[in-house]
Amino acid sequence: MHAAVLRLELRIRDARSLKDKRQVVKSVVGHLARTFAVAVAEVDHQDLWNRATLGVAAVAPQASQLDRILHSVEGHMRARRDIELLGVSVSHLEKPS
């Protein structure tokens, strides 16, 4: 089993309030979870109306499959016009020996 966490730093282009931001974040979280079978949560910048940080957790039986999932999630986020991707980092979780 292989597991990793993808951290996505976002700027929400058209948000002018926390309500605008929540609409976009809720849409993104739901879409990623449904489309890629990953767990997603907003993990930072909850109090800023134009920024968000999402944590995306994925598990797969092979490392190559895990890498494809994370790459697909990142590609989807880069293609969105309502979001600017400011930063991406990946942390692979080690399985206990």
Protein backbone atom coordinates (compact mmCIF):
# COMPACT_ATOMS: atom_id res chain seq x y z
CA MET A 1 0.00 0.00 0.00
CA HIS A 2 1.22 3.49 -0.89
CA ALA A 3 -0.12 6.76 0.49
CA ALA A 4 0.64 10.42 -0.10
CA VAL A 5 -0.63 13.88 0.67
CA LEU A 6 -0.74 16.61 -1.94
CA ARG A 7 -0.76 20.19 -0.60
CA LEU A 8 -2.25 22.77 -2.98
CA GLU A 9 -1.82 26.50 -2.31
CA LEU A 10 -4.55 28.39 -4.16
CA ARG A 11 -5.57 31.92 -5.01
CA ILE A 12 -9.25 32.19 -5.82
CA ARG A 13 -9.41 34.69 -8.66
CA ASP A 14 -12.95 36.08 -8.45
CA ALA A 15 -13.60 35.80 -4.71
CA ARG A 16 -14.59 39.09 -3.11
CA SER A 17 -15.78 37.65 0.20
CA LEU A 18 -15.53 34.56 2.38
CA LYS A 19 -18.90 33.48 0.98
CA ASP A 20 -17.50 33.59 -2.59
CA LYS A 21 -14.48 31.63 -1.44
CA ARG A 22 -16.58 28.98 0.33
CA GLN A 23 -18.59 28.37 -2.85
CA VAL A 24 -15.45 27.73 -4.89
CA VAL A 25 -13.73 25.62 -2.21
CA LYS A 26 -16.84 23.51 -1.65
CA SER A 27 -17.15 22.90 -5.39
CA VAL A 28 -13.47 21.97 -5.75
CA VAL A 29 -13.46 19.66 -2.72
CA GLY A 30 -16.56 17.81 -3.87
CA HIS A 31 -15.39 17.49 -7.46
CA LEU A 32 -11.92 16.18 -6.54
CA ALA A 33 -13.35 13.65 -4.08
CA ARG A 34 -15.89 12.33 -6.59
CA THR A 35 -13.67 12.35 -9.67
CA PHE A 36 -10.40 11.04 -8.25
CA ALA A 37 -11.54 9.03 -5.18
CA VAL A 38 -9.35 11.07 -2.81
CA ALA A 39 -9.95 12.71 0.55
CA VAL A 40 -9.83 16.52 0.45
CA ALA A 41 -9.92 19.19 3.15
CA GLU A 42 -9.19 22.88 3.45
CA VAL A 43 -6.18 22.96 5.79
CA ASP A 44 -5.02 26.59 5.91
CA HIS A 45 -6.01 30.19 5.14
CA GLN A 46 -9.61 29.66 6.28
CA ASP A 47 -9.88 33.33 7.28
CA LEU A 48 -8.66 34.81 3.97
CA TRP A 49 -11.25 35.44 1.24
CA ASN A 50 -8.95 34.96 -1.76
CA ARG A 51 -6.59 32.19 -0.55
CA ALA A 52 -7.01 28.54 0.35
CA THR A 53 -4.78 25.59 1.03
CA LEU A 54 -6.15 22.14 0.30
CA GLY A 55 -4.80 18.84 1.51
CA VAL A 56 -5.50 15.90 -0.79
CA ALA A 57 -4.86 12.40 0.56
CA ALA A 58 -4.63 9.38 -1.73
CA VAL A 59 -3.96 5.68 -1.25
CA ALA A 60 -3.15 3.13 -3.96
CA PRO A 61 -1.78 -0.40 -4.18
CA GLN A 62 1.15 0.62 -6.43
CA ALA A 63 3.36 3.71 -6.32
CA SER A 64 2.86 4.32 -10.04
CA GLN A 65 -0.92 4.41 -9.61
CA LEU A 66 -0.57 6.84 -6.70
CA ASP A 67 1.65 9.10 -8.81
CA ARG A 68 -0.94 9.07 -11.64
CA ILE A 69 -3.72 10.07 -9.25
CA LEU A 70 -1.73 12.97 -7.77
CA HIS A 71 -0.59 14.13 -11.21
CA SER A 72 -4.20 14.05 -12.45
CA VAL A 73 -5.42 16.09 -9.47
CA GLU A 74 -2.68 18.68 -10.00
CA GLY A 75 -3.41 18.86 -13.74
CA HIS A 76 -7.11 19.35 -13.07
CA MET A 77 -6.37 22.19 -10.65
CA ARG A 78 -3.99 23.89 -13.10
CA ALA A 79 -6.69 23.78 -15.80
CA ARG A 80 -9.30 25.58 -13.70
CA ARG A 81 -9.79 29.21 -14.70
CA ASP A 82 -11.25 30.34 -11.37
CA ILE A 83 -8.14 29.29 -9.42
CA GLU A 84 -4.46 30.16 -9.60
CA LEU A 85 -2.22 27.39 -8.28
CA LEU A 86 0.47 29.13 -6.22
CA GLY A 87 2.26 26.08 -4.87
CA VAL A 88 2.25 22.30 -4.85
CA SER A 89 4.03 19.87 -2.55
CA VAL A 90 3.80 16.12 -2.07
CA SER A 91 4.55 14.13 1.06
CA HIS A 92 4.76 10.37 0.69
CA LEU A 93 3.83 8.44 3.77
CA GLU A 94 6.12 5.59 4.76
CA LYS A 95 4.56 2.31 5.73
CA PRO A 96 5.75 0.90 9.06
CA SER A 97 8.30 -1.91 8.88
